[in-house]
Amino acid sequence: MKRFVACSLLLVLAACGGPAQKPAPGNAEPGWPQAQNSGQVTPSTPEKAAKPASAAPQPAPEPSANQAPRQSARLVPEPAEPTAPEIPVNDDPAQFMNVGDSDLRDVLGDPALIRRDGAAEVWQFRGDDCTLDLFLYPAEGGALAVKHVELRGEAPDERRACLARMIRARIIAADG
């Protein structure tokens, strides 16, 4: 009778362990081959466990209601989102020298600030990391034209890149 109780207890405890779990693809331990769509794993020798190089990886089976989902130790990189090619622009602030006010609006849009000082005007354009100040003075015929350019920003090596982003944003907004 004692033997019957001990065997019954062992069977009950073995049943509590749940069904065998298949390791995640690529994480199989030596001696345990990956099952092909059956969800069951059977032991074998390491020689039999090796898969041919041409075999496609199989998806892991869904966990049953009493099992916690398994996570793979390998991280699969997400595919990069396609990006539009960057619009080539001139990022030299000197390109605005002697440019008239109407041509400036075509390239940069409306300034964030216009300060008038007598016959002269200072137009300010603000980017994410820079500020472009254009000093316009009356030219021949009375029209305003840029006579001085100042590109300011905290990081000197980022100023021209900031100007390029401002010009690209204007191009996109005009096309848009």
N, C-alpha and C. Protein backbone atom coordinates (compact mmCIF):
# COMPACT_ATOMS: atom_id res chain seq x y z
N MET A 1 0.81 -1.19 0.00
CA MET A 1 0.00 0.00 0.00
C MET A 1 0.85 1.25 0.00
N LYS A 2 1.96 1.22 0.79
CA LYS A 2 2.84 2.36 0.83
C LYS A 2 3.44 2.62 -0.54
N ARG A 3 3.76 1.56 -1.26
CA ARG A 3 4.34 1.70 -2.59
C ARG A 3 3.33 2.36 -3.53
N PHE A 4 2.06 2.01 -3.44
CA PHE A 4 1.01 2.58 -4.28
C PHE A 4 0.86 4.08 -4.01
N VAL A 5 0.89 4.49 -2.75
CA VAL A 5 0.76 5.90 -2.37
C VAL A 5 1.97 6.67 -2.88
N ALA A 6 3.16 6.12 -2.74
CA ALA A 6 4.37 6.80 -3.19
C ALA A 6 4.35 6.98 -4.70
N CYS A 7 3.94 5.95 -5.45
CA CYS A 7 3.86 6.06 -6.91
C CYS A 7 2.80 7.06 -7.32
N SER A 8 1.68 7.06 -6.65
CA SER A 8 0.60 8.01 -6.96
C SER A 8 1.07 9.44 -6.71
N LEU A 9 1.77 9.63 -5.61
CA LEU A 9 2.29 10.96 -5.29
C LEU A 9 3.28 11.42 -6.34
N LEU A 10 4.16 10.55 -6.79
CA LEU A 10 5.12 10.90 -7.83
C LEU A 10 4.41 11.26 -9.13
N LEU A 11 3.36 10.53 -9.49
CA LEU A 11 2.61 10.82 -10.71
C LEU A 11 1.92 12.18 -10.62
N VAL A 12 1.35 12.48 -9.47
CA VAL A 12 0.68 13.76 -9.28
C VAL A 12 1.68 14.90 -9.39
N LEU A 13 2.83 14.77 -8.76
CA LEU A 13 3.85 15.80 -8.82
C LEU A 13 4.39 15.97 -10.25
N ALA A 14 4.55 14.89 -10.96
CA ALA A 14 5.04 14.97 -12.34
C ALA A 14 4.03 15.67 -13.22
N ALA A 15 2.76 15.47 -12.97
CA ALA A 15 1.72 16.10 -13.78
C ALA A 15 1.64 17.60 -13.52
N CYS A 16 2.06 18.06 -12.35
CA CYS A 16 2.03 19.49 -12.03
C CYS A 16 3.07 20.28 -12.81
N GLY A 17 4.06 19.64 -13.33
CA GLY A 17 5.12 20.34 -14.05
C GLY A 17 4.68 20.89 -15.38
N GLY A 18 3.58 20.45 -15.94
CA GLY A 18 3.09 20.94 -17.22
C GLY A 18 3.78 20.25 -18.37
N PRO A 19 3.33 20.54 -19.59
CA PRO A 19 3.94 19.91 -20.76
C PRO A 19 5.35 20.46 -21.01
N ALA A 20 6.12 19.70 -21.75
CA ALA A 20 7.48 20.12 -22.08
C ALA A 20 7.41 21.40 -22.91
N GLN A 21 8.33 22.32 -22.65
CA GLN A 21 8.36 23.58 -23.38
C GLN A 21 9.47 23.55 -24.42
N LYS A 22 9.15 24.07 -25.57
CA LYS A 22 10.12 24.14 -26.66
C LYS A 22 10.97 25.39 -26.48
N PRO A 23 12.29 25.29 -26.55
CA PRO A 23 13.13 26.49 -26.44
C PRO A 23 12.86 27.41 -27.61
N ALA A 24 13.09 28.71 -27.40
CA ALA A 24 12.92 29.68 -28.48
C ALA A 24 13.91 29.36 -29.59
N PRO A 25 13.58 29.70 -30.84
CA PRO A 25 14.48 29.42 -31.95
C PRO A 25 15.86 30.01 -31.69
N GLY A 26 16.88 29.22 -31.96
CA GLY A 26 18.25 29.68 -31.76
C GLY A 26 18.74 29.52 -30.34
N ASN A 27 17.88 29.16 -29.41
CA ASN A 27 18.27 29.03 -28.02
C ASN A 27 18.21 27.59 -27.54
N ALA A 28 18.18 26.64 -28.44
CA ALA A 28 18.08 25.23 -28.05
C ALA A 28 19.36 24.81 -27.35
N GLU A 29 19.19 24.01 -26.33
CA GLU A 29 20.34 23.48 -25.62
C GLU A 29 20.87 22.28 -26.40
N PRO A 30 22.17 22.02 -26.32
CA PRO A 30 22.71 20.85 -27.01
C PRO A 30 22.00 19.59 -26.54
N GLY A 31 21.68 18.74 -27.49
CA GLY A 31 21.02 17.49 -27.16
C GLY A 31 19.52 17.59 -27.25
N TRP A 32 18.96 18.78 -27.48
CA TRP A 32 17.51 18.96 -27.61
C TRP A 32 17.22 19.63 -28.94
N PRO A 33 16.77 18.86 -29.90
CA PRO A 33 16.47 19.47 -31.20
C PRO A 33 15.20 20.28 -31.13
N GLN A 34 15.04 21.18 -32.08
CA GLN A 34 13.83 21.99 -32.13
C GLN A 34 12.78 21.19 -32.91
N ALA A 35 11.59 21.12 -32.32
CA ALA A 35 10.51 20.36 -32.95
C ALA A 35 9.99 21.10 -34.16
N GLN A 36 9.52 20.39 -35.15
CA GLN A 36 8.97 20.96 -36.37
C GLN A 36 7.45 21.00 -36.29
N ASN A 37 6.89 22.10 -35.81
CA ASN A 37 5.45 22.36 -35.75
C ASN A 37 4.68 21.44 -34.81
N SER A 38 5.31 20.52 -34.11
CA SER A 38 4.55 19.61 -33.26
C SER A 38 4.38 20.17 -31.86
N GLY A 39 5.27 21.08 -31.43
CA GLY A 39 5.19 21.63 -30.09
C GLY A 39 5.81 20.72 -29.05
N GLN A 40 6.34 19.53 -29.46
CA GLN A 40 6.96 18.62 -28.52
C GLN A 40 8.44 18.54 -28.80
N VAL A 41 9.20 18.35 -27.76
CA VAL A 41 10.64 18.23 -27.87
C VAL A 41 11.05 16.89 -27.29
N THR A 42 11.89 16.21 -28.01
CA THR A 42 12.37 14.92 -27.53
C THR A 42 13.88 14.98 -27.46
N PRO A 43 14.47 14.32 -26.45
CA PRO A 43 15.92 14.35 -26.34
C PRO A 43 16.56 13.53 -27.45
N SER A 44 17.76 13.94 -27.82
CA SER A 44 18.56 13.19 -28.78
C SER A 44 20.02 13.52 -28.52
N THR A 45 20.87 13.02 -29.34
CA THR A 45 22.29 13.32 -29.19
C THR A 45 22.57 14.65 -29.88
N PRO A 46 23.65 15.35 -29.50
CA PRO A 46 23.96 16.63 -30.12
C PRO A 46 24.15 16.52 -31.64
N GLU A 47 24.63 15.39 -32.14
CA GLU A 47 24.82 15.25 -33.58
C GLU A 47 23.49 15.35 -34.32
N LYS A 48 22.43 14.79 -33.74
CA LYS A 48 21.12 14.82 -34.38
C LYS A 48 20.45 16.18 -34.18
N ALA A 49 20.90 16.95 -33.20
CA ALA A 49 20.25 18.21 -32.89
C ALA A 49 20.59 19.30 -33.91
N ALA A 50 21.69 19.15 -34.62
CA ALA A 50 22.09 20.19 -35.57
C ALA A 50 21.13 20.23 -36.74
N LYS A 51 20.69 21.44 -37.09
CA LYS A 51 19.77 21.60 -38.22
C LYS A 51 20.58 21.94 -39.45
N PRO A 52 20.10 21.57 -40.62
CA PRO A 52 20.79 21.99 -41.83
C PRO A 52 20.72 23.50 -41.97
N ALA A 53 21.73 24.09 -42.61
CA ALA A 53 21.82 25.55 -42.74
C ALA A 53 20.67 26.10 -43.57
N SER A 54 20.08 25.30 -44.44
CA SER A 54 19.03 25.81 -45.31
C SER A 54 17.65 25.76 -44.67
N ALA A 55 17.51 25.18 -43.48
CA ALA A 55 16.20 25.07 -42.85
C ALA A 55 15.75 26.43 -42.34
N ALA A 56 14.51 26.79 -42.62
CA ALA A 56 13.97 28.07 -42.17
C ALA A 56 13.56 27.95 -40.71
N PRO A 57 13.74 29.00 -39.91
CA PRO A 57 13.32 28.93 -38.51
C PRO A 57 11.81 28.86 -38.40
N GLN A 58 11.36 28.05 -37.45
CA GLN A 58 9.93 27.86 -37.24
C GLN A 58 9.47 28.77 -36.12
N PRO A 59 8.24 29.32 -36.20
CA PRO A 59 7.75 30.16 -35.11
C PRO A 59 7.51 29.33 -33.86
N ALA A 60 7.70 29.95 -32.72
CA ALA A 60 7.49 29.27 -31.44
C ALA A 60 6.00 29.06 -31.24
N PRO A 61 5.61 27.93 -30.64
CA PRO A 61 4.18 27.70 -30.41
C PRO A 61 3.64 28.67 -29.37
N GLU A 62 2.36 28.95 -29.44
CA GLU A 62 1.70 29.83 -28.48
C GLU A 62 1.68 29.13 -27.11
N PRO A 63 1.92 29.88 -26.03
CA PRO A 63 1.86 29.25 -24.71
C PRO A 63 0.43 28.87 -24.36
N SER A 64 0.30 27.77 -23.61
CA SER A 64 -1.03 27.36 -23.19
C SER A 64 -1.50 28.25 -22.04
N ALA A 65 -2.72 28.09 -21.60
CA ALA A 65 -3.32 28.96 -20.59
C ALA A 65 -2.56 28.92 -19.28
N ASN A 66 -1.94 27.79 -18.94
CA ASN A 66 -1.25 27.69 -17.66
C ASN A 66 0.25 27.95 -17.77
N GLN A 67 0.72 28.41 -18.92
CA GLN A 67 2.14 28.69 -19.11
C GLN A 67 2.36 30.18 -19.30
N ALA A 68 3.44 30.67 -18.78
CA ALA A 68 3.82 32.07 -19.02
C ALA A 68 4.52 32.13 -20.38
N PRO A 69 4.33 33.21 -21.13
CA PRO A 69 5.00 33.32 -22.42
C PRO A 69 6.51 33.40 -22.23
N ARG A 70 7.23 32.78 -23.14
CA ARG A 70 8.69 32.80 -23.09
C ARG A 70 9.20 33.92 -23.95
N GLN A 71 10.28 34.53 -23.53
CA GLN A 71 10.89 35.59 -24.31
C GLN A 71 12.24 35.11 -24.81
N SER A 72 12.52 35.46 -26.03
CA SER A 72 13.79 35.08 -26.64
C SER A 72 14.89 35.99 -26.11
N ALA A 73 16.07 35.45 -25.93
CA ALA A 73 17.20 36.23 -25.47
C ALA A 73 17.77 37.09 -26.60
N ARG A 74 17.50 36.71 -27.85
CA ARG A 74 18.02 37.47 -28.99
C ARG A 74 17.06 38.60 -29.33
N LEU A 75 17.60 39.74 -29.67
CA LEU A 75 16.78 40.85 -30.10
C LEU A 75 16.86 40.94 -31.62
N VAL A 76 15.73 41.00 -32.26
CA VAL A 76 15.69 41.13 -33.70
C VAL A 76 15.52 42.60 -34.02
N PRO A 77 16.44 43.19 -34.80
CA PRO A 77 16.31 44.62 -35.08
C PRO A 77 15.08 44.88 -35.93
N GLU A 78 14.39 45.97 -35.60
CA GLU A 78 13.22 46.34 -36.38
C GLU A 78 13.69 46.95 -37.70
N PRO A 79 12.94 46.70 -38.75
CA PRO A 79 13.34 47.28 -40.03
C PRO A 79 13.26 48.80 -39.95
N ALA A 80 14.24 49.46 -40.53
CA ALA A 80 14.28 50.91 -40.52
C ALA A 80 13.17 51.47 -41.39
N GLU A 81 12.59 52.56 -40.92
CA GLU A 81 11.55 53.21 -41.71
C GLU A 81 12.20 53.86 -42.93
N PRO A 82 11.56 53.75 -44.06
CA PRO A 82 12.14 54.39 -45.23
C PRO A 82 12.13 55.91 -45.05
N THR A 83 13.24 56.52 -45.37
CA THR A 83 13.35 57.96 -45.24
C THR A 83 13.51 58.58 -46.61
N ALA A 84 12.94 59.75 -46.75
CA ALA A 84 13.07 60.46 -48.01
C ALA A 84 14.49 60.99 -48.13
N PRO A 85 15.02 61.01 -49.34
CA PRO A 85 16.37 61.56 -49.49
C PRO A 85 16.38 63.03 -49.06
N GLU A 86 17.46 63.42 -48.44
CA GLU A 86 17.58 64.78 -47.95
C GLU A 86 17.68 65.75 -49.13
N ILE A 87 16.93 66.83 -49.05
CA ILE A 87 16.93 67.84 -50.11
C ILE A 87 18.25 68.60 -50.04
N PRO A 88 19.03 68.63 -51.13
CA PRO A 88 20.29 69.37 -51.08
C PRO A 88 20.02 70.88 -51.10
N VAL A 89 20.64 71.60 -50.16
CA VAL A 89 20.49 73.05 -50.08
C VAL A 89 21.85 73.68 -49.81
N ASN A 90 21.95 74.97 -50.12
CA ASN A 90 23.15 75.74 -49.82
C ASN A 90 23.03 76.22 -48.38
N ASP A 91 23.96 75.82 -47.51
CA ASP A 91 23.89 76.21 -46.11
C ASP A 91 24.84 77.35 -45.76
N ASP A 92 25.37 78.04 -46.76
CA ASP A 92 26.27 79.17 -46.53
C ASP A 92 25.44 80.43 -46.31
N PRO A 93 25.54 81.06 -45.13
CA PRO A 93 24.74 82.26 -44.89
C PRO A 93 25.12 83.42 -45.81
N ALA A 94 26.31 83.40 -46.38
CA ALA A 94 26.73 84.48 -47.28
C ALA A 94 25.93 84.49 -48.58
N GLN A 95 25.20 83.42 -48.86
CA GLN A 95 24.39 83.37 -50.09
C GLN A 95 23.32 84.46 -50.12
N PHE A 96 22.99 85.05 -48.97
CA PHE A 96 21.94 86.05 -48.90
C PHE A 96 22.45 87.48 -49.13
N MET A 97 23.76 87.63 -49.26
CA MET A 97 24.32 88.97 -49.49
C MET A 97 23.77 89.54 -50.80
N ASN A 98 23.31 90.79 -50.75
CA ASN A 98 22.78 91.55 -51.89
C ASN A 98 21.46 90.98 -52.43
N VAL A 99 20.79 90.11 -51.70
CA VAL A 99 19.50 89.55 -52.11
C VAL A 99 18.41 90.51 -51.65
N GLY A 100 17.43 90.73 -52.51
CA GLY A 100 16.32 91.62 -52.18
C GLY A 100 15.30 90.98 -51.27
N ASP A 101 14.42 91.81 -50.71
CA ASP A 101 13.46 91.33 -49.72
C ASP A 101 12.47 90.32 -50.28
N SER A 102 12.02 90.47 -51.52
CA SER A 102 11.06 89.50 -52.08
C SER A 102 11.71 88.14 -52.31
N ASP A 103 12.98 88.13 -52.75
CA ASP A 103 13.69 86.86 -52.94
C ASP A 103 13.96 86.17 -51.61
N LEU A 104 14.20 86.96 -50.56
CA LEU A 104 14.39 86.37 -49.23
C LEU A 104 13.13 85.64 -48.77
N ARG A 105 11.99 86.25 -48.99
CA ARG A 105 10.73 85.61 -48.58
C ARG A 105 10.51 84.31 -49.36
N ASP A 106 10.95 84.27 -50.61
CA ASP A 106 10.80 83.04 -51.39
C ASP A 106 11.64 81.90 -50.80
N VAL A 107 12.84 82.23 -50.32
CA VAL A 107 13.75 81.20 -49.80
C VAL A 107 13.47 80.86 -48.34
N LEU A 108 13.23 81.87 -47.51
CA LEU A 108 13.12 81.66 -46.06
C LEU A 108 11.72 81.84 -45.50
N GLY A 109 10.80 82.38 -46.26
CA GLY A 109 9.46 82.66 -45.74
C GLY A 109 9.44 83.99 -45.01
N ASP A 110 8.42 84.19 -44.22
CA ASP A 110 8.31 85.43 -43.45
C ASP A 110 9.22 85.37 -42.23
N PRO A 111 9.89 86.48 -41.92
CA PRO A 111 10.75 86.48 -40.73
C PRO A 111 9.94 86.42 -39.45
N ALA A 112 10.56 85.90 -38.40
CA ALA A 112 9.92 85.85 -37.08
C ALA A 112 9.87 87.24 -36.46
N LEU A 113 10.80 88.11 -36.86
CA LEU A 113 10.88 89.45 -36.30
C LEU A 113 11.44 90.39 -37.35
N ILE A 114 10.85 91.59 -37.46
CA ILE A 114 11.40 92.65 -38.31
C ILE A 114 11.59 93.87 -37.41
N ARG A 115 12.83 94.34 -37.35
CA ARG A 115 13.13 95.55 -36.57
C ARG A 115 13.54 96.64 -37.55
N ARG A 116 12.88 97.77 -37.47
CA ARG A 116 13.20 98.89 -38.36
C ARG A 116 14.08 99.88 -37.59
N ASP A 117 15.11 100.33 -38.27
CA ASP A 117 16.02 101.32 -37.68
C ASP A 117 16.31 102.36 -38.75
N GLY A 118 15.52 103.40 -38.79
CA GLY A 118 15.64 104.40 -39.85
C GLY A 118 15.20 103.76 -41.16
N ALA A 119 16.05 103.87 -42.17
CA ALA A 119 15.74 103.29 -43.49
C ALA A 119 16.12 101.81 -43.55
N ALA A 120 16.87 101.31 -42.56
CA ALA A 120 17.33 99.92 -42.55
C ALA A 120 16.33 99.03 -41.79
N GLU A 121 16.41 97.73 -42.10
CA GLU A 121 15.60 96.73 -41.40
C GLU A 121 16.48 95.53 -41.03
N VAL A 122 16.17 94.93 -39.90
CA VAL A 122 16.83 93.68 -39.50
C VAL A 122 15.74 92.61 -39.50
N TRP A 123 15.96 91.58 -40.32
CA TRP A 123 15.01 90.46 -40.39
C TRP A 123 15.62 89.30 -39.61
N GLN A 124 14.83 88.71 -38.72
CA GLN A 124 15.33 87.60 -37.90
C GLN A 124 14.53 86.34 -38.22
N PHE A 125 15.25 85.28 -38.50
CA PHE A 125 14.67 83.96 -38.75
C PHE A 125 15.22 83.03 -37.68
N ARG A 126 14.34 82.26 -37.05
CA ARG A 126 14.75 81.39 -35.95
C ARG A 126 14.60 79.92 -36.34
N GLY A 127 15.66 79.17 -36.11
CA GLY A 127 15.64 77.73 -36.30
C GLY A 127 15.63 77.05 -34.96
N ASP A 128 15.74 75.73 -34.96
CA ASP A 128 15.73 74.98 -33.69
C ASP A 128 16.99 75.24 -32.87
N ASP A 129 18.14 75.44 -33.52
CA ASP A 129 19.40 75.65 -32.79
C ASP A 129 20.15 76.89 -33.25
N CYS A 130 19.51 77.77 -34.01
CA CYS A 130 20.23 78.93 -34.52
C CYS A 130 19.28 80.09 -34.79
N THR A 131 19.87 81.25 -34.99
CA THR A 131 19.13 82.46 -35.36
C THR A 131 19.88 83.11 -36.50
N LEU A 132 19.17 83.46 -37.56
CA LEU A 132 19.74 84.13 -38.71
C LEU A 132 19.25 85.57 -38.72
N ASP A 133 20.18 86.52 -38.63
CA ASP A 133 19.85 87.94 -38.70
C ASP A 133 20.34 88.47 -40.04
N LEU A 134 19.44 89.09 -40.79
CA LEU A 134 19.78 89.69 -42.08
C LEU A 134 19.54 91.19 -41.97
N PHE A 135 20.56 91.97 -42.29
CA PHE A 135 20.49 93.42 -42.19
C PHE A 135 20.28 93.98 -43.60
N LEU A 136 19.11 94.56 -43.84
CA LEU A 136 18.74 95.07 -45.15
C LEU A 136 18.84 96.60 -45.16
N TYR A 137 19.47 97.11 -46.20
CA TYR A 137 19.61 98.54 -46.38
C TYR A 137 19.08 98.90 -47.76
N PRO A 138 18.65 100.16 -47.93
CA PRO A 138 18.18 100.57 -49.25
C PRO A 138 19.30 100.46 -50.29
N ALA A 139 18.96 99.88 -51.43
CA ALA A 139 19.90 99.74 -52.53
C ALA A 139 19.49 100.74 -53.62
N GLU A 140 20.07 100.59 -54.80
CA GLU A 140 19.70 101.46 -55.91
C GLU A 140 18.21 101.31 -56.20
N GLY A 141 17.54 102.40 -56.44
CA GLY A 141 16.12 102.37 -56.72
C GLY A 141 15.27 102.33 -55.47
N GLY A 142 15.88 102.30 -54.27
CA GLY A 142 15.13 102.36 -53.02
C GLY A 142 14.73 101.00 -52.46
N ALA A 143 14.88 99.91 -53.21
CA ALA A 143 14.53 98.58 -52.70
C ALA A 143 15.54 98.14 -51.64
N LEU A 144 15.06 97.33 -50.71
CA LEU A 144 15.95 96.83 -49.66
C LEU A 144 16.72 95.61 -50.15
N ALA A 145 17.98 95.50 -49.72
CA ALA A 145 18.81 94.34 -50.04
C ALA A 145 19.70 94.05 -48.84
N VAL A 146 20.11 92.79 -48.70
CA VAL A 146 20.94 92.36 -47.57
C VAL A 146 22.36 92.89 -47.75
N LYS A 147 22.86 93.55 -46.72
CA LYS A 147 24.23 94.06 -46.72
C LYS A 147 25.09 93.44 -45.62
N HIS A 148 24.44 92.74 -44.68
CA HIS A 148 25.19 92.07 -43.61
C HIS A 148 24.39 90.85 -43.16
N VAL A 149 25.08 89.75 -42.89
CA VAL A 149 24.46 88.50 -42.46
C VAL A 149 25.12 88.04 -41.17
N GLU A 150 24.31 87.58 -40.23
CA GLU A 150 24.86 87.03 -38.99
C GLU A 150 24.08 85.77 -38.62
N LEU A 151 24.78 84.64 -38.53
CA LEU A 151 24.19 83.37 -38.13
C LEU A 151 24.71 83.04 -36.74
N ARG A 152 23.79 82.98 -35.77
CA ARG A 152 24.18 82.75 -34.38
C ARG A 152 23.62 81.43 -33.89
N GLY A 153 24.30 80.85 -32.91
CA GLY A 153 23.85 79.61 -32.27
C GLY A 153 24.84 79.19 -31.22
N GLU A 154 24.40 78.30 -30.31
CA GLU A 154 25.27 77.87 -29.22
C GLU A 154 26.41 76.98 -29.70
N ALA A 155 26.15 76.11 -30.66
CA ALA A 155 27.17 75.19 -31.15
C ALA A 155 27.64 75.66 -32.54
N PRO A 156 28.85 76.22 -32.63
CA PRO A 156 29.33 76.74 -33.91
C PRO A 156 29.30 75.72 -35.03
N ASP A 157 29.57 74.46 -34.73
CA ASP A 157 29.59 73.44 -35.78
C ASP A 157 28.18 73.03 -36.21
N GLU A 158 27.14 73.45 -35.50
CA GLU A 158 25.76 73.10 -35.85
C GLU A 158 25.01 74.24 -36.54
N ARG A 159 25.59 75.42 -36.59
CA ARG A 159 24.88 76.58 -37.14
C ARG A 159 24.47 76.37 -38.59
N ARG A 160 25.40 75.94 -39.41
CA ARG A 160 25.08 75.77 -40.84
C ARG A 160 24.08 74.64 -41.05
N ALA A 161 24.17 73.59 -40.26
CA ALA A 161 23.20 72.50 -40.37
C ALA A 161 21.81 73.01 -39.98
N CYS A 162 21.75 73.88 -38.99
CA CYS A 162 20.47 74.47 -38.58
C CYS A 162 19.90 75.33 -39.70
N LEU A 163 20.74 76.12 -40.34
CA LEU A 163 20.30 76.94 -41.47
C LEU A 163 19.78 76.05 -42.60
N ALA A 164 20.46 74.95 -42.86
CA ALA A 164 20.02 74.02 -43.91
C ALA A 164 18.64 73.45 -43.56
N ARG A 165 18.39 73.11 -42.29
CA ARG A 165 17.08 72.60 -41.88
C ARG A 165 15.99 73.66 -42.06
N MET A 166 16.33 74.93 -41.77
CA MET A 166 15.36 76.01 -41.96
C MET A 166 14.97 76.14 -43.44
N ILE A 167 15.95 76.08 -44.31
CA ILE A 167 15.69 76.20 -45.75
C ILE A 167 14.88 75.00 -46.25
N ARG A 168 15.25 73.80 -45.81
CA ARG A 168 14.50 72.59 -46.20
C ARG A 168 13.04 72.66 -45.73
N ALA A 169 12.84 73.12 -44.51
CA ALA A 169 11.48 73.24 -43.97
C ALA A 169 10.65 74.18 -44.82
N ARG A 170 11.26 75.26 -45.28
CA ARG A 170 10.55 76.22 -46.14
C ARG A 170 10.22 75.58 -47.48
N ILE A 171 11.14 74.81 -48.04
CA ILE A 171 10.90 74.13 -49.32
C ILE A 171 9.74 73.15 -49.18
N ILE A 172 9.75 72.38 -48.12
CA ILE A 172 8.69 71.39 -47.88
C ILE A 172 7.35 72.09 -47.68
N ALA A 173 7.34 73.20 -46.91
CA ALA A 173 6.10 73.92 -46.66
C ALA A 173 5.57 74.54 -47.96
N ALA A 174 6.45 75.01 -48.81
CA ALA A 174 6.02 75.61 -50.09
C ALA A 174 5.46 74.56 -51.03
N ASP A 175 6.03 73.34 -50.99
CA ASP A 175 5.56 72.25 -51.86
C ASP A 175 4.26 71.63 -51.34
N GLY A 176 4.06 71.76 -50.04
CA GLY A 176 3.09 71.07 -49.35
C GLY A 176 1.72 71.07 -49.32
